[in-house]
Amino acid sequence: MSLPKDIQQLLDSVVNTLVKWDLIAYLHKNPSARISAEKIASSIGRSADEVLAALSELSDNKILQYEYDGETLYYRYNPDREWQSKVDKFIDGLSNRNTRWLILNYLVEKDQ
C-alpha cells in the first residue's frame, strides 16, 4: 500500500514535520477559531517557539491566515483552493490506521 498522490504532495510541500501534522489536525477540528500561537502550543502540548515557526510556514503556504491586533498575532485555519482538497484527504487519511502509519513513516523517513 502506498500513500495517495495528493497526501504525498501535501507532505512534500506543506505538512513536512510532525508539529505541522499536529497543527493541521488541531486547526481542522477548530476551523473558525481565531487563536494565538501560545494558546495552540498549550492545546497541542508543543513549545510556543516550534509552533510559531510552523504557523509562519503554514501561513506562507496559504494554509492559514493571520491577523495582528496590535498586541497579539492570531491564526485561523483557511487553506486556499489549491490545498483544501489535499488537506481534507490528509485528515481523512489520519482516521485510517494504515494510512496514518504510512504518513508517519513517510515523515520519519524524510527527516533522516
PDB file of N, CA and C in Angstrom:
ATOM      1  N   MET A   1       0.850  -1.180   0.000  1.00  0.00           N
ATOM      2  CA  MET A   1       0.000   0.000   0.000  1.00  0.00           C
ATOM      3  C   MET A   1       0.893   1.240   0.000  1.00  0.00           C
ATOM      4  N   SER A   2       0.555   2.215  -0.802  1.00  0.00           N
ATOM      5  CA  SER A   2       1.345   3.445  -0.847  1.00  0.00           C
ATOM      6  C   SER A   2       0.442   4.639  -0.560  1.00  0.00           C
ATOM      7  N   LEU A   3       1.092   5.747  -0.264  1.00  0.00           N
ATOM      8  CA  LEU A   3       0.352   6.971   0.020  1.00  0.00           C
ATOM      9  C   LEU A   3      -0.343   7.483  -1.233  1.00  0.00           C
ATOM     10  N   PRO A   4      -1.564   7.974  -1.090  1.00  0.00           N
ATOM     11  CA  PRO A   4      -2.202   8.637  -2.225  1.00  0.00           C
ATOM     12  C   PRO A   4      -1.369   9.850  -2.655  1.00  0.00           C
ATOM     13  N   LYS A   5      -1.375  10.117  -3.941  1.00  0.00           N
ATOM     14  CA  LYS A   5      -0.553  11.188  -4.510  1.00  0.00           C
ATOM     15  C   LYS A   5      -0.827  12.553  -3.861  1.00  0.00           C
ATOM     16  N   ASP A   6      -2.099  12.870  -3.630  1.00  0.00           N
ATOM     17  CA  ASP A   6      -2.447  14.169  -3.026  1.00  0.00           C
ATOM     18  C   ASP A   6      -1.852  14.317  -1.629  1.00  0.00           C
ATOM     19  N   ILE A   7      -1.896  13.243  -0.849  1.00  0.00           N
ATOM     20  CA  ILE A   7      -1.331  13.299   0.504  1.00  0.00           C
ATOM     21  C   ILE A   7       0.185  13.439   0.429  1.00  0.00           C
ATOM     22  N   GLN A   8       0.811  12.705  -0.469  1.00  0.00           N
ATOM     23  CA  GLN A   8       2.263  12.803  -0.610  1.00  0.00           C
ATOM     24  C   GLN A   8       2.681  14.211  -1.030  1.00  0.00           C
ATOM     25  N   GLN A   9       1.944  14.833  -1.928  1.00  0.00           N
ATOM     26  CA  GLN A   9       2.247  16.209  -2.334  1.00  0.00           C
ATOM     27  C   GLN A   9       2.144  17.157  -1.147  1.00  0.00           C
ATOM     28  N   LEU A  10       1.123  16.977  -0.333  1.00  0.00           N
ATOM     29  CA  LEU A  10       0.954  17.816   0.853  1.00  0.00           C
ATOM     30  C   LEU A  10       2.125  17.622   1.816  1.00  0.00           C
ATOM     31  N   LEU A  11       2.532  16.365   2.026  1.00  0.00           N
ATOM     32  CA  LEU A  11       3.648  16.075   2.926  1.00  0.00           C
ATOM     33  C   LEU A  11       4.963  16.621   2.387  1.00  0.00           C
ATOM     34  N   ASP A  12       5.152  16.586   1.090  1.00  0.00           N
ATOM     35  CA  ASP A  12       6.384  17.104   0.491  1.00  0.00           C
ATOM     36  C   ASP A  12       6.456  18.621   0.540  1.00  0.00           C
ATOM     37  N   SER A  13       5.298  19.262   0.455  1.00  0.00           N
ATOM     38  CA  SER A  13       5.285  20.715   0.314  1.00  0.00           C
ATOM     39  C   SER A  13       4.919  21.485   1.571  1.00  0.00           C
ATOM     40  N   VAL A  14       4.014  20.944   2.366  1.00  0.00           N
ATOM     41  CA  VAL A  14       3.427  21.741   3.446  1.00  0.00           C
ATOM     42  C   VAL A  14       3.546  21.071   4.811  1.00  0.00           C
ATOM     43  N   VAL A  15       3.010  19.895   4.953  1.00  0.00           N
ATOM     44  CA  VAL A  15       2.964  19.209   6.246  1.00  0.00           C
ATOM     45  C   VAL A  15       4.179  18.280   6.324  1.00  0.00           C
ATOM     46  N   ASN A  16       5.354  18.886   6.403  1.00  0.00           N
ATOM     47  CA  ASN A  16       6.597  18.130   6.327  1.00  0.00           C
ATOM     48  C   ASN A  16       7.252  17.885   7.688  1.00  0.00           C
ATOM     49  N   THR A  17       6.536  18.162   8.759  1.00  0.00           N
ATOM     50  CA  THR A  17       7.030  17.881  10.108  1.00  0.00           C
ATOM     51  C   THR A  17       5.869  17.388  10.970  1.00  0.00           C
ATOM     52  N   LEU A  18       6.222  16.742  12.056  1.00  0.00           N
ATOM     53  CA  LEU A  18       5.177  16.251  12.956  1.00  0.00           C
ATOM     54  C   LEU A  18       4.443  17.395  13.648  1.00  0.00           C
ATOM     55  N   VAL A  19       5.124  18.490  13.919  1.00  0.00           N
ATOM     56  CA  VAL A  19       4.427  19.619  14.550  1.00  0.00           C
ATOM     57  C   VAL A  19       3.390  20.201  13.590  1.00  0.00           C
ATOM     58  N   LYS A  20       3.696  20.243  12.305  1.00  0.00           N
ATOM     59  CA  LYS A  20       2.706  20.734  11.341  1.00  0.00           C
ATOM     60  C   LYS A  20       1.535  19.766  11.237  1.00  0.00           C
ATOM     61  N   TRP A  21       1.812  18.478  11.339  1.00  0.00           N
ATOM     62  CA  TRP A  21       0.740  17.470  11.374  1.00  0.00           C
ATOM     63  C   TRP A  21      -0.192  17.795  12.538  1.00  0.00           C
ATOM     64  N   ASP A  22       0.392  17.995  13.724  1.00  0.00           N
ATOM     65  CA  ASP A  22      -0.413  18.313  14.908  1.00  0.00           C
ATOM     66  C   ASP A  22      -1.219  19.590  14.703  1.00  0.00           C
ATOM     67  N   LEU A  23      -0.601  20.597  14.116  1.00  0.00           N
ATOM     68  CA  LEU A  23      -1.281  21.875  13.895  1.00  0.00           C
ATOM     69  C   LEU A  23      -2.438  21.741  12.923  1.00  0.00           C
ATOM     70  N   ILE A  24      -2.197  21.066  11.804  1.00  0.00           N
ATOM     71  CA  ILE A  24      -3.269  20.887  10.820  1.00  0.00           C
ATOM     72  C   ILE A  24      -4.428  20.114  11.435  1.00  0.00           C
ATOM     73  N   ALA A  25      -4.124  19.039  12.142  1.00  0.00           N
ATOM     74  CA  ALA A  25      -5.189  18.239  12.768  1.00  0.00           C
ATOM     75  C   ALA A  25      -5.977  19.086  13.772  1.00  0.00           C
ATOM     76  N   TYR A  26      -5.273  19.856  14.597  1.00  0.00           N
ATOM     77  CA  TYR A  26      -5.940  20.695  15.598  1.00  0.00           C
ATOM     78  C   TYR A  26      -6.789  21.784  14.941  1.00  0.00           C
ATOM     79  N   LEU A  27      -6.195  22.486  13.992  1.00  0.00           N
ATOM     80  CA  LEU A  27      -6.908  23.607  13.370  1.00  0.00           C
ATOM     81  C   LEU A  27      -8.061  23.132  12.491  1.00  0.00           C
ATOM     82  N   HIS A  28      -7.919  21.976  11.893  1.00  0.00           N
ATOM     83  CA  HIS A  28      -9.009  21.432  11.089  1.00  0.00           C
ATOM     84  C   HIS A  28     -10.225  21.130  11.968  1.00  0.00           C
ATOM     85  N   LYS A  29      -9.972  20.721  13.209  1.00  0.00           N
ATOM     86  CA  LYS A  29     -11.072  20.456  14.152  1.00  0.00           C
ATOM     87  C   LYS A  29     -11.682  21.746  14.685  1.00  0.00           C
ATOM     88  N   ASN A  30     -10.952  22.839  14.564  1.00  0.00           N
ATOM     89  CA  ASN A  30     -11.393  24.140  15.075  1.00  0.00           C
ATOM     90  C   ASN A  30     -11.306  25.185  13.964  1.00  0.00           C
ATOM     91  N   PRO A  31     -12.040  24.986  12.870  1.00  0.00           N
ATOM     92  CA  PRO A  31     -11.835  25.813  11.685  1.00  0.00           C
ATOM     93  C   PRO A  31     -12.208  27.281  11.831  1.00  0.00           C
ATOM     94  N   SER A  32     -13.076  27.604  12.737  1.00  0.00           N
ATOM     95  CA  SER A  32     -13.471  29.007  12.875  1.00  0.00           C
ATOM     96  C   SER A  32     -12.739  29.718  14.013  1.00  0.00           C
ATOM     97  N   ALA A  33     -11.846  29.002  14.685  1.00  0.00           N
ATOM     98  CA  ALA A  33     -11.118  29.591  15.809  1.00  0.00           C
ATOM     99  C   ALA A  33     -10.116  30.630  15.323  1.00  0.00           C
ATOM    100  N   ARG A  34     -10.038  31.719  16.042  1.00  0.00           N
ATOM    101  CA  ARG A  34      -9.019  32.754  15.859  1.00  0.00           C
ATOM    102  C   ARG A  34      -8.157  32.641  17.108  1.00  0.00           C
ATOM    103  N   ILE A  35      -6.931  32.110  16.950  1.00  0.00           N
ATOM    104  CA  ILE A  35      -6.200  31.650  18.119  1.00  0.00           C
ATOM    105  C   ILE A  35      -4.723  32.029  18.036  1.00  0.00           C
ATOM    106  N   SER A  36      -4.136  32.320  19.182  1.00  0.00           N
ATOM    107  CA  SER A  36      -2.721  32.703  19.231  1.00  0.00           C
ATOM    108  C   SER A  36      -1.822  31.472  19.228  1.00  0.00           C
ATOM    109  N   ALA A  37      -0.576  31.674  18.859  1.00  0.00           N
ATOM    110  CA  ALA A  37       0.401  30.578  18.840  1.00  0.00           C
ATOM    111  C   ALA A  37       0.561  29.981  20.235  1.00  0.00           C
ATOM    112  N   GLU A  38       0.560  30.799  21.260  1.00  0.00           N
ATOM    113  CA  GLU A  38       0.726  30.317  22.633  1.00  0.00           C
ATOM    114  C   GLU A  38      -0.436  29.419  23.046  1.00  0.00           C
ATOM    115  N   LYS A  39      -1.637  29.800  22.677  1.00  0.00           N
ATOM    116  CA  LYS A  39      -2.826  29.012  23.006  1.00  0.00           C
ATOM    117  C   LYS A  39      -2.801  27.673  22.262  1.00  0.00           C
ATOM    118  N   ILE A  40      -2.418  27.716  20.984  1.00  0.00           N
ATOM    119  CA  ILE A  40      -2.324  26.478  20.205  1.00  0.00           C
ATOM    120  C   ILE A  40      -1.260  25.570  20.812  1.00  0.00           C
ATOM    121  N   ALA A  41      -0.093  26.145  21.130  1.00  0.00           N
ATOM    122  CA  ALA A  41       1.005  25.356  21.702  1.00  0.00           C
ATOM    123  C   ALA A  41       0.550  24.660  22.979  1.00  0.00           C
ATOM    124  N   SER A  42      -0.144  25.393  23.817  1.00  0.00           N
ATOM    125  CA  SER A  42      -0.662  24.822  25.058  1.00  0.00           C
ATOM    126  C   SER A  42      -1.659  23.695  24.777  1.00  0.00           C
ATOM    127  N   SER A  43      -2.485  23.885  23.778  1.00  0.00           N
ATOM    128  CA  SER A  43      -3.519  22.897  23.450  1.00  0.00           C
ATOM    129  C   SER A  43      -2.949  21.605  22.877  1.00  0.00           C
ATOM    130  N   ILE A  44      -1.847  21.710  22.119  1.00  0.00           N
ATOM    131  CA  ILE A  44      -1.306  20.500  21.486  1.00  0.00           C
ATOM    132  C   ILE A  44      -0.050  19.974  22.185  1.00  0.00           C
ATOM    133  N   GLY A  45       0.366  20.630  23.267  1.00  0.00           N
ATOM    134  CA  GLY A  45       1.493  20.142  24.047  1.00  0.00           C
ATOM    135  C   GLY A  45       2.841  20.323  23.370  1.00  0.00           C
ATOM    136  N   ARG A  46       2.999  21.418  22.665  1.00  0.00           N
ATOM    137  CA  ARG A  46       4.260  21.744  21.979  1.00  0.00           C
ATOM    138  C   ARG A  46       4.770  23.078  22.498  1.00  0.00           C
ATOM    139  N   SER A  47       6.060  23.337  22.242  1.00  0.00           N
ATOM    140  CA  SER A  47       6.618  24.619  22.680  1.00  0.00           C
ATOM    141  C   SER A  47       6.098  25.743  21.782  1.00  0.00           C
ATOM    142  N   ALA A  48       5.968  26.916  22.365  1.00  0.00           N
ATOM    143  CA  ALA A  48       5.477  28.069  21.614  1.00  0.00           C
ATOM    144  C   ALA A  48       6.409  28.416  20.461  1.00  0.00           C
ATOM    145  N   ASP A  49       7.717  28.256  20.655  1.00  0.00           N
ATOM    146  CA  ASP A  49       8.671  28.588  19.593  1.00  0.00           C
ATOM    147  C   ASP A  49       8.503  27.690  18.375  1.00  0.00           C
ATOM    148  N   GLU A  50       8.389  26.368  18.600  1.00  0.00           N
ATOM    149  CA  GLU A  50       8.245  25.469  17.449  1.00  0.00           C
ATOM    150  C   GLU A  50       6.887  25.652  16.777  1.00  0.00           C
ATOM    151  N   VAL A  51       5.864  25.945  17.550  1.00  0.00           N
ATOM    152  CA  VAL A  51       4.547  26.188  16.982  1.00  0.00           C
ATOM    153  C   VAL A  51       4.544  27.477  16.171  1.00  0.00           C
ATOM    154  N   LEU A  52       5.150  28.521  16.694  1.00  0.00           N
ATOM    155  CA  LEU A  52       5.203  29.793  15.981  1.00  0.00           C
ATOM    156  C   LEU A  52       5.928  29.653  14.650  1.00  0.00           C
ATOM    157  N   ALA A  53       7.043  28.944  14.635  1.00  0.00           N
ATOM    158  CA  ALA A  53       7.787  28.727  13.383  1.00  0.00           C
ATOM    159  C   ALA A  53       6.940  27.946  12.376  1.00  0.00           C
ATOM    160  N   ALA A  54       6.266  26.906  12.839  1.00  0.00           N
ATOM    161  CA  ALA A  54       5.434  26.101  11.946  1.00  0.00           C
ATOM    162  C   ALA A  54       4.220  26.890  11.447  1.00  0.00           C
ATOM    163  N   LEU A  55       3.614  27.682  12.318  1.00  0.00           N
ATOM    164  CA  LEU A  55       2.476  28.505  11.904  1.00  0.00           C
ATOM    165  C   LEU A  55       2.889  29.503  10.834  1.00  0.00           C
ATOM    166  N   SER A  56       4.065  30.066  10.988  1.00  0.00           N
ATOM    167  CA  SER A  56       4.566  31.007   9.993  1.00  0.00           C
ATOM    168  C   SER A  56       4.709  30.335   8.630  1.00  0.00           C
ATOM    169  N   GLU A  57       5.259  29.125   8.626  1.00  0.00           N
ATOM    170  CA  GLU A  57       5.418  28.390   7.367  1.00  0.00           C
ATOM    171  C   GLU A  57       4.062  27.989   6.784  1.00  0.00           C
ATOM    172  N   LEU A  58       3.142  27.579   7.621  1.00  0.00           N
ATOM    173  CA  LEU A  58       1.812  27.226   7.129  1.00  0.00           C
ATOM    174  C   LEU A  58       1.092  28.449   6.567  1.00  0.00           C
ATOM    175  N   SER A  59       1.329  29.608   7.149  1.00  0.00           N
ATOM    176  CA  SER A  59       0.756  30.848   6.610  1.00  0.00           C
ATOM    177  C   SER A  59       1.369  31.158   5.251  1.00  0.00           C
ATOM    178  N   ASP A  60       2.685  31.006   5.146  1.00  0.00           N
ATOM    179  CA  ASP A  60       3.367  31.245   3.865  1.00  0.00           C
ATOM    180  C   ASP A  60       2.845  30.315   2.775  1.00  0.00           C
ATOM    181  N   ASN A  61       2.457  29.108   3.169  1.00  0.00           N
ATOM    182  CA  ASN A  61       1.944  28.123   2.216  1.00  0.00           C
ATOM    183  C   ASN A  61       0.431  28.229   2.001  1.00  0.00           C
ATOM    184  N   LYS A  62      -0.167  29.272   2.534  1.00  0.00           N
ATOM    185  CA  LYS A  62      -1.586  29.568   2.335  1.00  0.00           C
ATOM    186  C   LYS A  62      -2.528  28.495   2.897  1.00  0.00           C
ATOM    187  N   ILE A  63      -2.116  27.951   4.047  1.00  0.00           N
ATOM    188  CA  ILE A  63      -2.982  27.028   4.778  1.00  0.00           C
ATOM    189  C   ILE A  63      -3.712  27.786   5.883  1.00  0.00           C
ATOM    190  N   LEU A  64      -3.041  28.795   6.419  1.00  0.00           N
ATOM    191  CA  LEU A  64      -3.589  29.622   7.494  1.00  0.00           C
ATOM    192  C   LEU A  64      -3.565  31.073   7.073  1.00  0.00           C
ATOM    193  N   GLN A  65      -4.393  31.845   7.700  1.00  0.00           N
ATOM    194  CA  GLN A  65      -4.282  33.289   7.577  1.00  0.00           C
ATOM    195  C   GLN A  65      -4.011  33.833   8.971  1.00  0.00           C
ATOM    196  N   TYR A  66      -3.392  34.975   9.040  1.00  0.00           N
ATOM    197  CA  TYR A  66      -3.110  35.552  10.345  1.00  0.00           C
ATOM    198  C   TYR A  66      -3.585  36.989  10.395  1.00  0.00           C
ATOM    199  N   GLU A  67      -3.730  37.446  11.625  1.00  0.00           N
ATOM    200  CA  GLU A  67      -4.237  38.788  11.886  1.00  0.00           C
ATOM    201  C   GLU A  67      -3.524  39.309  13.125  1.00  0.00           C
ATOM    202  N   TYR A  68      -3.049  40.517  13.058  1.00  0.00           N
ATOM    203  CA  TYR A  68      -2.374  41.144  14.191  1.00  0.00           C
ATOM    204  C   TYR A  68      -3.260  42.259  14.705  1.00  0.00           C
ATOM    205  N   ASP A  69      -3.566  42.234  15.990  1.00  0.00           N
ATOM    206  CA  ASP A  69      -4.460  43.247  16.562  1.00  0.00           C
ATOM    207  C   ASP A  69      -3.699  44.376  17.246  1.00  0.00           C
ATOM    208  N   GLY A  70      -2.395  44.456  16.994  1.00  0.00           N
ATOM    209  CA  GLY A  70      -1.564  45.470  17.624  1.00  0.00           C
ATOM    210  C   GLY A  70      -0.869  44.949  18.868  1.00  0.00           C
ATOM    211  N   GLU A  71      -1.320  43.809  19.346  1.00  0.00           N
ATOM    212  CA  GLU A  71      -0.741  43.220  20.545  1.00  0.00           C
ATOM    213  C   GLU A  71      -0.409  41.746  20.352  1.00  0.00           C
ATOM    214  N   THR A  72      -1.316  41.017  19.712  1.00  0.00           N
ATOM    215  CA  THR A  72      -1.162  39.575  19.553  1.00  0.00           C
ATOM    216  C   THR A  72      -1.408  39.181  18.099  1.00  0.00           C
ATOM    217  N   LEU A  73      -0.647  38.192  17.653  1.00  0.00           N
ATOM    218  CA  LEU A  73      -0.831  37.627  16.324  1.00  0.00           C
ATOM    219  C   LEU A  73      -1.764  36.423  16.456  1.00  0.00           C
ATOM    220  N   TYR A  74      -2.854  36.442  15.708  1.00  0.00           N
ATOM    221  CA  TYR A  74      -3.837  35.365  15.743  1.00  0.00           C
ATOM    222  C   TYR A  74      -3.834  34.622  14.411  1.00  0.00           C
ATOM    223  N   TYR A  75      -4.107  33.318  14.488  1.00  0.00           N
ATOM    224  CA  TYR A  75      -4.144  32.472  13.304  1.00  0.00           C
ATOM    225  C   TYR A  75      -5.524  31.863  13.152  1.00  0.00           C
ATOM    226  N   ARG A  76      -5.877  31.624  11.906  1.00  0.00           N
ATOM    227  CA  ARG A  76      -7.153  30.985  11.581  1.00  0.00           C
ATOM    228  C   ARG A  76      -6.912  30.012  10.431  1.00  0.00           C
ATOM    229  N   TYR A  77      -7.486  28.830  10.546  1.00  0.00           N
ATOM    230  CA  TYR A  77      -7.385  27.807   9.508  1.00  0.00           C
ATOM    231  C   TYR A  77      -8.156  28.270   8.282  1.00  0.00           C
ATOM    232  N   ASN A  78      -7.470  28.366   7.141  1.00  0.00           N
ATOM    233  CA  ASN A  78      -8.119  28.831   5.924  1.00  0.00           C
ATOM    234  C   ASN A  78      -7.314  28.412   4.701  1.00  0.00           C
ATOM    235  N   PRO A  79      -7.281  27.098   4.391  1.00  0.00           N
ATOM    236  CA  PRO A  79      -6.499  26.659   3.227  1.00  0.00           C
ATOM    237  C   PRO A  79      -7.051  27.254   1.934  1.00  0.00           C
ATOM    238  N   ASP A  80      -6.136  27.652   1.056  1.00  0.00           N
ATOM    239  CA  ASP A  80      -6.619  28.143  -0.229  1.00  0.00           C
ATOM    240  C   ASP A  80      -7.102  26.967  -1.069  1.00  0.00           C
ATOM    241  N   ARG A  81      -7.707  27.265  -2.176  1.00  0.00           N
ATOM    242  CA  ARG A  81      -8.336  26.245  -3.013  1.00  0.00           C
ATOM    243  C   ARG A  81      -7.347  25.154  -3.422  1.00  0.00           C
ATOM    244  N   GLU A  82      -6.109  25.544  -3.693  1.00  0.00           N
ATOM    245  CA  GLU A  82      -5.085  24.586  -4.116  1.00  0.00           C
ATOM    246  C   GLU A  82      -4.866  23.489  -3.076  1.00  0.00           C
ATOM    247  N   TRP A  83      -4.906  23.857  -1.800  1.00  0.00           N
ATOM    248  CA  TRP A  83      -4.574  22.910  -0.732  1.00  0.00           C
ATOM    249  C   TRP A  83      -5.772  22.273  -0.050  1.00  0.00           C
ATOM    250  N   GLN A  84      -6.940  22.858  -0.169  1.00  0.00           N
ATOM    251  CA  GLN A  84      -8.100  22.388   0.594  1.00  0.00           C
ATOM    252  C   GLN A  84      -8.382  20.902   0.397  1.00  0.00           C
ATOM    253  N   SER A  85      -8.445  20.440  -0.832  1.00  0.00           N
ATOM    254  CA  SER A  85      -8.781  19.032  -1.054  1.00  0.00           C
ATOM    255  C   SER A  85      -7.657  18.112  -0.571  1.00  0.00           C
ATOM    256  N   LYS A  86      -6.417  18.553  -0.685  1.00  0.00           N
ATOM    257  CA  LYS A  86      -5.296  17.742  -0.205  1.00  0.00           C
ATOM    258  C   LYS A  86      -5.310  17.646   1.321  1.00  0.00           C
ATOM    259  N   VAL A  87      -5.602  18.751   1.978  1.00  0.00           N
ATOM    260  CA  VAL A  87      -5.698  18.738   3.440  1.00  0.00           C
ATOM    261  C   VAL A  87      -6.856  17.840   3.876  1.00  0.00           C
ATOM    262  N   ASP A  88      -7.981  17.923   3.183  1.00  0.00           N
ATOM    263  CA  ASP A  88      -9.122  17.071   3.524  1.00  0.00           C
ATOM    264  C   ASP A  88      -8.763  15.591   3.386  1.00  0.00           C
ATOM    265  N   LYS A  89      -8.033  15.240   2.329  1.00  0.00           N
ATOM    266  CA  LYS A  89      -7.615  13.845   2.139  1.00  0.00           C
ATOM    267  C   LYS A  89      -6.624  13.426   3.219  1.00  0.00           C
ATOM    268  N   PHE A  90      -5.745  14.347   3.622  1.00  0.00           N
ATOM    269  CA  PHE A  90      -4.807  14.079   4.709  1.00  0.00           C
ATOM    270  C   PHE A  90      -5.570  13.790   6.003  1.00  0.00           C
ATOM    271  N   ILE A  91      -6.517  14.640   6.341  1.00  0.00           N
ATOM    272  CA  ILE A  91      -7.320  14.465   7.556  1.00  0.00           C
ATOM    273  C   ILE A  91      -8.103  13.153   7.489  1.00  0.00           C
ATOM    274  N   ASP A  92      -8.700  12.869   6.340  1.00  0.00           N
ATOM    275  CA  ASP A  92      -9.407  11.592   6.188  1.00  0.00           C
ATOM    276  C   ASP A  92      -8.440  10.423   6.359  1.00  0.00           C
ATOM    277  N   GLY A  93      -7.238  10.563   5.819  1.00  0.00           N
ATOM    278  CA  GLY A  93      -6.231   9.513   5.937  1.00  0.00           C
ATOM    279  C   GLY A  93      -5.827   9.244   7.370  1.00  0.00           C
ATOM    280  N   LEU A  94      -5.853  10.264   8.203  1.00  0.00           N
ATOM    281  CA  LEU A  94      -5.482  10.086   9.612  1.00  0.00           C
ATOM    282  C   LEU A  94      -6.473   9.195  10.355  1.00  0.00           C
ATOM    283  N   SER A  95      -7.687   9.109   9.864  1.00  0.00           N
ATOM    284  CA  SER A  95      -8.684   8.270  10.528  1.00  0.00           C
ATOM    285  C   SER A  95      -8.542   6.795  10.142  1.00  0.00           C
ATOM    286  N   ASN A  96      -7.699   6.508   9.157  1.00  0.00           N
ATOM    287  CA  ASN A  96      -7.434   5.137   8.730  1.00  0.00           C
ATOM    288  C   ASN A  96      -6.082   4.706   9.281  1.00  0.00           C
ATOM    289  N   ARG A  97      -6.062   3.654  10.036  1.00  0.00           N
ATOM    290  CA  ARG A  97      -4.838   3.209  10.716  1.00  0.00           C
ATOM    291  C   ARG A  97      -3.687   2.981   9.743  1.00  0.00           C
ATOM    292  N   ASN A  98      -3.938   2.332   8.626  1.00  0.00           N
ATOM    293  CA  ASN A  98      -2.878   2.047   7.665  1.00  0.00           C
ATOM    294  C   ASN A  98      -2.337   3.321   7.012  1.00  0.00           C
ATOM    295  N   THR A  99      -3.233   4.208   6.640  1.00  0.00           N
ATOM    296  CA  THR A  99      -2.802   5.460   6.019  1.00  0.00           C
ATOM    297  C   THR A  99      -2.053   6.323   7.027  1.00  0.00           C
ATOM    298  N   ARG A 100      -2.544   6.361   8.260  1.00  0.00           N
ATOM    299  CA  ARG A 100      -1.854   7.123   9.307  1.00  0.00           C
ATOM    300  C   ARG A 100      -0.436   6.588   9.499  1.00  0.00           C
ATOM    301  N   TRP A 101      -0.275   5.279   9.478  1.00  0.00           N
ATOM    302  CA  TRP A 101       1.048   4.664   9.604  1.00  0.00           C
ATOM    303  C   TRP A 101       1.933   5.051   8.412  1.00  0.00           C
ATOM    304  N   LEU A 102       1.382   5.034   7.209  1.00  0.00           N
ATOM    305  CA  LEU A 102       2.148   5.419   6.022  1.00  0.00           C
ATOM    306  C   LEU A 102       2.595   6.878   6.104  1.00  0.00           C
ATOM    307  N   ILE A 103       1.708   7.741   6.581  1.00  0.00           N
ATOM    308  CA  ILE A 103       2.050   9.164   6.730  1.00  0.00           C
ATOM    309  C   ILE A 103       3.173   9.324   7.744  1.00  0.00           C
ATOM    310  N   LEU A 104       3.041   8.691   8.891  1.00  0.00           N
ATOM    311  CA  LEU A 104       4.068   8.782   9.925  1.00  0.00           C
ATOM    312  C   LEU A 104       5.401   8.254   9.403  1.00  0.00           C
ATOM    313  N   ASN A 105       5.385   7.111   8.791  1.00  0.00           N
ATOM    314  CA  ASN A 105       6.599   6.517   8.251  1.00  0.00           C
ATOM    315  C   ASN A 105       7.244   7.425   7.203  1.00  0.00           C
ATOM    316  N   TYR A 106       6.429   8.009   6.348  1.00  0.00           N
ATOM    317  CA  TYR A 106       6.934   8.902   5.299  1.00  0.00           C
ATOM    318  C   TYR A 106       7.641  10.115   5.918  1.00  0.00           C
ATOM    319  N   LEU A 107       7.013  10.721   6.919  1.00  0.00           N
ATOM    320  CA  LEU A 107       7.625  11.889   7.567  1.00  0.00           C
ATOM    321  C   LEU A 107       8.900  11.536   8.308  1.00  0.00           C
ATOM    322  N   VAL A 108       8.907  10.417   8.999  1.00  0.00           N
ATOM    323  CA  VAL A 108      10.103   9.995   9.737  1.00  0.00           C
ATOM    324  C   VAL A 108      11.237   9.684   8.769  1.00  0.00           C
ATOM    325  N   GLU A 109      10.944   8.991   7.685  1.00  0.00           N
ATOM    326  CA  GLU A 109      11.962   8.670   6.683  1.00  0.00           C
ATOM    327  C   GLU A 109      12.550   9.939   6.068  1.00  0.00           C
ATOM    328  N   LYS A 110      11.691  10.918   5.791  1.00  0.00           N
ATOM    329  CA  LYS A 110      12.152  12.187   5.199  1.00  0.00           C
ATOM    330  C   LYS A 110      13.083  12.935   6.157  1.00  0.00           C
ATOM    331  N   ASP A 111      12.824  12.797   7.434  1.00  0.00           N
ATOM    332  CA  ASP A 111      13.559  13.546   8.447  1.00  0.00           C
ATOM    333  C   ASP A 111      14.974  12.996   8.684  1.00  0.00           C
ATOM    334  N   GLN A 112      15.233  11.798   8.214  1.00  0.00           N
ATOM    335  CA  GLN A 112      16.536  11.176   8.475  1.00  0.00           C
ATOM    336  C   GLN A 112      17.569  11.568   7.456  1.00  0.00           C
TER     337      GLN A 112
END
